Amino acid sequence: QVQLVESGGGLVQAGGSLRLSCAASGRTFSSYAMGWFRQAPGKEREFVAAIRWSGGSTHYADSVKGRFTISRDNAKNTVYLEMNSLKPEDTAVYYCASRSGGSTTYDYWGQGTQVTVSS
């Protein structure tokens, strides 16, 4: 199994920035890619960004392109989400997730970290 622990959430004013971290442990060698998702109150969980461990290719939701940046530190088994120009609609619980090689879905999930953007 892969264990994931998010950190870095908090309260920020609109236009501000936050950086989330996701530390992976356990069978991290089985992880092919990492993703960030978010879920706002009363809404379904949605994809935010993803990155492959090897090569570092990235993918973003249209709603965060140009504002959020996903990166990884392979030596630390950690993935980051740099969030800039935050908007109130970015308020949500943010989750990181791990996808195994050969899998089309994310297999392991963290417990989530709250991000609140005030107007």
C-alpha atoms as a PDB file:
ATOM      1  CA  GLN A   1       0.000   0.000   0.000  1.00  0.00           C
ATOM      2  CA  VAL A   2       0.895   3.645  -0.358  1.00  0.00           C
ATOM      3  CA  GLN A   3       0.243   6.073   2.460  1.00  0.00           C
ATOM      4  CA  LEU A   4      -0.341   9.729   1.629  1.00  0.00           C
ATOM      5  CA  VAL A   5      -0.304  12.684   4.002  1.00  0.00           C
ATOM      6  CA  GLU A   6      -1.290  16.172   2.853  1.00  0.00           C
ATOM      7  CA  SER A   7      -0.306  19.407   4.553  1.00  0.00           C
ATOM      8  CA  GLY A   8      -0.245  23.120   3.879  1.00  0.00           C
ATOM      9  CA  GLY A   9      -3.898  24.001   3.808  1.00  0.00           C
ATOM     10  CA  GLY A  10      -5.311  27.027   5.573  1.00  0.00           C
ATOM     11  CA  LEU A  11      -7.183  30.290   5.305  1.00  0.00           C
ATOM     12  CA  VAL A  12      -6.057  32.863   2.759  1.00  0.00           C
ATOM     13  CA  GLN A  13      -7.529  35.993   1.231  1.00  0.00           C
ATOM     14  CA  ALA A  14      -8.544  36.103  -2.396  1.00  0.00           C
ATOM     15  CA  GLY A  15      -5.520  36.759  -4.577  1.00  0.00           C
ATOM     16  CA  GLY A  16      -3.223  35.038  -2.112  1.00  0.00           C
ATOM     17  CA  SER A  17      -1.137  31.896  -2.399  1.00  0.00           C
ATOM     18  CA  LEU A  18      -0.730  28.561  -0.665  1.00  0.00           C
ATOM     19  CA  ARG A  19       1.473  25.550  -1.244  1.00  0.00           C
ATOM     20  CA  LEU A  20       0.163  22.099  -0.484  1.00  0.00           C
ATOM     21  CA  SER A  21       2.425  19.124   0.095  1.00  0.00           C
ATOM     22  CA  CYS A  22       1.713  15.414  -0.182  1.00  0.00           C
ATOM     23  CA  ALA A  23       4.231  13.015   1.324  1.00  0.00           C
ATOM     24  CA  ALA A  24       4.059   9.430   0.102  1.00  0.00           C
ATOM     25  CA  SER A  25       5.345   6.396   1.986  1.00  0.00           C
ATOM     26  CA  GLY A  26       5.066   2.646   1.779  1.00  0.00           C
ATOM     27  CA  ARG A  27       5.145   0.946  -1.632  1.00  0.00           C
ATOM     28  CA  THR A  28       5.936   4.171  -3.434  1.00  0.00           C
ATOM     29  CA  PHE A  29       7.778   2.316  -6.195  1.00  0.00           C
ATOM     30  CA  SER A  30       4.384   1.106  -7.398  1.00  0.00           C
ATOM     31  CA  SER A  31       3.155   4.638  -7.902  1.00  0.00           C
ATOM     32  CA  TYR A  32       3.066   5.830 -11.514  1.00  0.00           C
ATOM     33  CA  ALA A  33       1.469   9.219 -11.114  1.00  0.00           C
ATOM     34  CA  MET A  34       0.113  11.529  -8.458  1.00  0.00           C
ATOM     35  CA  GLY A  35      -2.938  13.718  -8.594  1.00  0.00           C
ATOM     36  CA  TRP A  36      -4.603  16.496  -6.671  1.00  0.00           C
ATOM     37  CA  PHE A  37      -8.368  16.588  -6.364  1.00  0.00           C
ATOM     38  CA  ARG A  38     -10.728  18.830  -4.442  1.00  0.00           C
ATOM     39  CA  GLN A  39     -14.230  18.695  -3.067  1.00  0.00           C
ATOM     40  CA  ALA A  40     -16.241  21.746  -2.145  1.00  0.00           C
ATOM     41  CA  PRO A  41     -19.278  21.550   0.163  1.00  0.00           C
ATOM     42  CA  GLY A  42     -22.270  20.113  -1.655  1.00  0.00           C
ATOM     43  CA  LYS A  43     -20.245  19.343  -4.770  1.00  0.00           C
ATOM     44  CA  GLU A  44     -18.644  16.263  -6.238  1.00  0.00           C
ATOM     45  CA  ARG A  45     -14.915  15.709  -6.015  1.00  0.00           C
ATOM     46  CA  GLU A  46     -13.131  17.132  -9.047  1.00  0.00           C
ATOM     47  CA  PHE A  47      -9.737  16.720 -10.654  1.00  0.00           C
ATOM     48  CA  VAL A  48      -7.251  19.559 -10.194  1.00  0.00           C
ATOM     49  CA  ALA A  49      -3.839  18.458 -11.464  1.00  0.00           C
ATOM     50  CA  ALA A  50      -1.648  15.405 -12.012  1.00  0.00           C
ATOM     51  CA  ILE A  51       2.018  14.605 -12.533  1.00  0.00           C
ATOM     52  CA  ARG A  52       3.993  11.513 -13.467  1.00  0.00           C
ATOM     53  CA  TRP A  53       6.869  10.508 -11.212  1.00  0.00           C
ATOM     54  CA  SER A  54       9.001   9.672 -14.225  1.00  0.00           C
ATOM     55  CA  GLY A  55       9.481  12.508 -16.665  1.00  0.00           C
ATOM     56  CA  GLY A  56       7.289  14.894 -14.720  1.00  0.00           C
ATOM     57  CA  SER A  57       4.624  15.448 -17.363  1.00  0.00           C
ATOM     58  CA  THR A  58       1.679  17.380 -15.979  1.00  0.00           C
ATOM     59  CA  HIS A  59      -2.012  17.872 -16.614  1.00  0.00           C
ATOM     60  CA  TYR A  60      -4.353  20.529 -15.213  1.00  0.00           C
ATOM     61  CA  ALA A  61      -8.036  21.230 -14.990  1.00  0.00           C
ATOM     62  CA  ASP A  62      -9.022  24.256 -17.065  1.00  0.00           C
ATOM     63  CA  SER A  63     -10.206  26.049 -13.950  1.00  0.00           C
ATOM     64  CA  VAL A  64      -6.706  26.174 -12.460  1.00  0.00           C
ATOM     65  CA  LYS A  65      -4.469  26.470 -15.534  1.00  0.00           C
ATOM     66  CA  GLY A  66      -2.079  29.376 -15.218  1.00  0.00           C
ATOM     67  CA  ARG A  67      -2.708  29.687 -11.468  1.00  0.00           C
ATOM     68  CA  PHE A  68      -1.736  26.312  -9.998  1.00  0.00           C
ATOM     69  CA  THR A  69       1.499  24.394 -10.503  1.00  0.00           C
ATOM     70  CA  ILE A  70       2.050  20.760  -9.606  1.00  0.00           C
ATOM     71  CA  SER A  71       5.586  19.514  -9.018  1.00  0.00           C
ATOM     72  CA  ARG A  72       7.345  16.582  -7.441  1.00  0.00           C
ATOM     73  CA  ASP A  73      10.515  15.770  -5.531  1.00  0.00           C
ATOM     74  CA  ASN A  74      11.300  12.155  -6.311  1.00  0.00           C
ATOM     75  CA  ALA A  75      14.012  11.949  -3.644  1.00  0.00           C
ATOM     76  CA  LYS A  76      11.509  12.964  -0.969  1.00  0.00           C
ATOM     77  CA  ASN A  77       8.540  11.082  -2.472  1.00  0.00           C
ATOM     78  CA  THR A  78       6.633  14.325  -2.171  1.00  0.00           C
ATOM     79  CA  VAL A  79       4.300  16.140  -4.516  1.00  0.00           C
ATOM     80  CA  TYR A  80       3.436  19.810  -4.254  1.00  0.00           C
ATOM     81  CA  LEU A  81       0.615  22.011  -5.445  1.00  0.00           C
ATOM     82  CA  GLU A  82       1.514  25.683  -5.656  1.00  0.00           C
ATOM     83  CA  MET A  83      -1.675  27.713  -5.752  1.00  0.00           C
ATOM     84  CA  ASN A  84      -1.565  31.372  -6.758  1.00  0.00           C
ATOM     85  CA  SER A  85      -4.217  34.002  -7.441  1.00  0.00           C
ATOM     86  CA  LEU A  86      -6.619  32.057  -5.278  1.00  0.00           C
ATOM     87  CA  LYS A  87     -10.337  32.680  -5.643  1.00  0.00           C
ATOM     88  CA  PRO A  88     -13.195  32.024  -3.221  1.00  0.00           C
ATOM     89  CA  GLU A  89     -14.371  29.267  -5.560  1.00  0.00           C
ATOM     90  CA  ASP A  90     -11.113  27.418  -4.878  1.00  0.00           C
ATOM     91  CA  THR A  91     -12.352  26.775  -1.343  1.00  0.00           C
ATOM     92  CA  ALA A  92     -12.493  23.012  -0.828  1.00  0.00           C
ATOM     93  CA  VAL A  93     -10.892  20.049   0.836  1.00  0.00           C
ATOM     94  CA  TYR A  94      -7.884  19.115  -1.274  1.00  0.00           C
ATOM     95  CA  TYR A  95      -6.840  15.491  -1.592  1.00  0.00           C
ATOM     96  CA  CYS A  96      -3.767  13.921  -3.117  1.00  0.00           C
ATOM     97  CA  ALA A  97      -3.955  10.504  -4.692  1.00  0.00           C
ATOM     98  CA  SER A  98      -1.620   7.907  -6.149  1.00  0.00           C
ATOM     99  CA  ARG A  99      -2.169   5.940  -9.339  1.00  0.00           C
ATOM    100  CA  SER A 100      -0.341   2.666  -9.848  1.00  0.00           C
ATOM    101  CA  GLY A 101       1.282   1.672 -13.103  1.00  0.00           C
ATOM    102  CA  GLY A 102      -1.248  -0.017 -15.367  1.00  0.00           C
ATOM    103  CA  SER A 103      -4.178   1.361 -13.397  1.00  0.00           C
ATOM    104  CA  THR A 104      -6.712   3.758 -14.876  1.00  0.00           C
ATOM    105  CA  THR A 105      -7.901   4.934 -11.496  1.00  0.00           C
ATOM    106  CA  TYR A 106      -6.313   6.406  -8.419  1.00  0.00           C
ATOM    107  CA  ASP A 107      -5.728   3.643  -5.889  1.00  0.00           C
ATOM    108  CA  TYR A 108      -4.677   5.475  -2.738  1.00  0.00           C
ATOM    109  CA  TRP A 109      -5.908   8.694  -1.196  1.00  0.00           C
ATOM    110  CA  GLY A 110      -4.805  11.030   1.538  1.00  0.00           C
ATOM    111  CA  GLN A 111      -7.038  12.336   4.291  1.00  0.00           C
ATOM    112  CA  GLY A 112      -7.383  15.790   2.754  1.00  0.00           C
ATOM    113  CA  THR A 113      -6.452  19.309   3.785  1.00  0.00           C
ATOM    114  CA  GLN A 114      -8.843  22.258   3.974  1.00  0.00           C
ATOM    115  CA  VAL A 115      -8.247  25.324   1.839  1.00  0.00           C
ATOM    116  CA  THR A 116     -10.456  28.330   2.504  1.00  0.00           C
ATOM    117  CA  VAL A 117     -10.250  31.472   0.388  1.00  0.00           C
ATOM    118  CA  SER A 118     -12.022  34.510   1.786  1.00  0.00           C
ATOM    119  CA  SER A 119     -13.338  37.299  -0.416  1.00  0.00           C
END
